[in-house]
């Protein structure tokens, strides 16, 4: 089963005979706040009676705290250097275009 991942071209460097492509995984990350993570975690861990006692106080405390946004997923990046002829044979993709790359472990004999 092939698992093709999409990578967006971020930068192209033409060194004459070789082309260097800087790629970033083509996924949409959604920032999530630290407050949201804390609240969701407590919702899962606390029983109903404790929630009723703690959550109003915690909500008041969280309102005065600054919102810190974090990414919910770390994107993978790849740098590929290839001969210019190989680059042309794959259609000479431009910055912003998407490439499909299959990354998997191969069994060696």
Protein backbone atom coordinates (compact mmCIF):
# COMPACT_ATOMS: atom_id res chain seq x y z
CA UNK A 1 0.00 0.00 0.00
CA UNK A 2 1.51 3.28 -1.08
CA UNK A 3 1.29 6.29 1.16
CA UNK A 4 1.96 9.39 -0.94
CA UNK A 5 2.50 12.55 1.08
CA UNK A 6 2.04 16.01 -0.39
CA UNK A 7 4.79 18.62 -0.11
CA UNK A 8 4.59 22.24 -1.20
CA UNK A 9 7.64 23.77 -2.84
CA UNK A 10 8.86 26.65 -0.65
CA UNK A 11 12.10 27.53 -2.45
CA UNK A 12 14.02 26.57 -5.60
CA UNK A 13 17.75 27.14 -5.95
CA UNK A 14 19.23 26.68 -9.42
CA UNK A 15 22.98 25.95 -9.22
CA UNK A 16 23.45 25.49 -12.97
CA UNK A 17 23.67 21.70 -13.25
CA UNK A 18 21.65 20.93 -10.12
CA UNK A 19 18.37 22.12 -8.65
CA UNK A 20 17.69 22.26 -4.92
CA UNK A 21 14.06 22.11 -3.78
CA UNK A 22 12.98 23.06 -0.25
CA UNK A 23 9.67 21.34 0.52
CA UNK A 24 7.21 21.64 3.41
CA UNK A 25 4.49 19.11 4.16
CA UNK A 26 1.24 20.33 2.61
CA UNK A 27 -1.12 20.22 5.57
CA UNK A 28 -3.20 22.88 7.20
CA UNK A 29 -2.29 23.34 10.83
CA UNK A 30 -4.76 24.93 13.13
CA UNK A 31 -3.48 26.94 16.05
CA UNK A 32 -4.87 25.83 19.38
CA UNK A 33 -4.67 27.89 22.56
CA UNK A 34 -3.00 26.70 25.70
CA UNK A 35 -6.19 27.60 27.58
CA UNK A 36 -8.21 25.30 25.34
CA UNK A 37 -5.83 22.38 25.93
CA UNK A 38 -6.00 22.84 29.71
CA UNK A 39 -9.79 23.09 29.75
CA UNK A 40 -10.25 20.03 27.52
CA UNK A 41 -7.85 18.02 29.65
CA UNK A 42 -9.68 18.91 32.86
CA UNK A 43 -13.07 18.15 31.30
CA UNK A 44 -11.86 14.60 30.62
CA UNK A 45 -10.17 14.01 33.98
CA UNK A 46 -12.59 15.46 36.54
CA UNK A 47 -15.81 13.93 37.77
CA UNK A 48 -19.03 15.97 37.51
CA UNK A 49 -19.05 17.12 41.15
CA UNK A 50 -15.46 18.36 41.01
CA UNK A 51 -16.07 20.06 37.65
CA UNK A 52 -18.94 22.06 39.14
CA UNK A 53 -16.68 23.26 41.93
CA UNK A 54 -13.45 23.93 40.02
CA UNK A 55 -14.43 25.01 36.50
CA UNK A 56 -16.04 28.37 37.43
CA UNK A 57 -12.91 29.36 39.35
CA UNK A 58 -10.63 28.06 36.60
CA UNK A 59 -12.62 29.94 33.92
CA UNK A 60 -12.20 33.19 35.88
CA UNK A 61 -8.45 32.60 36.18
CA UNK A 62 -8.09 31.69 32.51
CA UNK A 63 -9.88 34.85 31.34
CA UNK A 64 -7.13 37.05 32.77
CA UNK A 65 -4.29 34.90 31.38
CA UNK A 66 -2.82 35.76 27.96
CA UNK A 67 -3.79 33.43 25.15
CA UNK A 68 -0.79 31.55 23.83
CA UNK A 69 -1.41 29.82 20.51
CA UNK A 70 0.53 26.71 19.60
CA UNK A 71 0.51 24.62 16.43
CA UNK A 72 -1.26 21.33 16.77
CA UNK A 73 1.05 19.50 14.35
CA UNK A 74 4.72 19.73 13.47
CA UNK A 75 5.18 19.81 9.70
CA UNK A 76 7.92 17.77 8.04
CA UNK A 77 10.34 19.53 5.69
CA UNK A 78 12.61 18.04 3.03
CA UNK A 79 15.45 19.43 0.93
CA UNK A 80 16.10 17.59 -2.34
CA UNK A 81 19.04 18.20 -4.66
CA UNK A 82 18.74 16.70 -8.14
CA UNK A 83 20.30 17.06 -11.58
CA UNK A 84 18.63 19.71 -13.72
CA UNK A 85 17.65 17.05 -16.30
CA UNK A 86 15.75 15.10 -13.62
CA UNK A 87 14.03 18.31 -12.51
CA UNK A 88 12.91 18.96 -16.09
CA UNK A 89 11.71 15.34 -16.45
CA UNK A 90 9.27 15.83 -13.53
CA UNK A 91 7.77 18.90 -15.23
CA UNK A 92 9.92 21.73 -13.80
CA UNK A 93 7.58 22.48 -10.86
CA UNK A 94 7.50 26.05 -9.51
CA UNK A 95 7.34 27.54 -6.00
CA UNK A 96 3.91 26.93 -4.49
CA UNK A 97 3.21 23.80 -6.53
CA UNK A 98 2.61 20.45 -4.85
CA UNK A 99 4.74 17.32 -5.22
CA UNK A 100 3.79 13.80 -4.15
CA UNK A 101 6.52 11.87 -2.35
CA UNK A 102 6.36 8.29 -1.11
CA UNK A 103 8.47 7.79 2.02
CA UNK A 104 8.79 4.26 3.37
CA UNK A 105 11.36 1.88 4.75
CA UNK A 106 12.61 -0.64 2.21
CA UNK A 107 13.72 -4.09 3.30
CA UNK A 108 17.30 -4.82 2.37
CA UNK A 109 18.46 -8.30 1.41
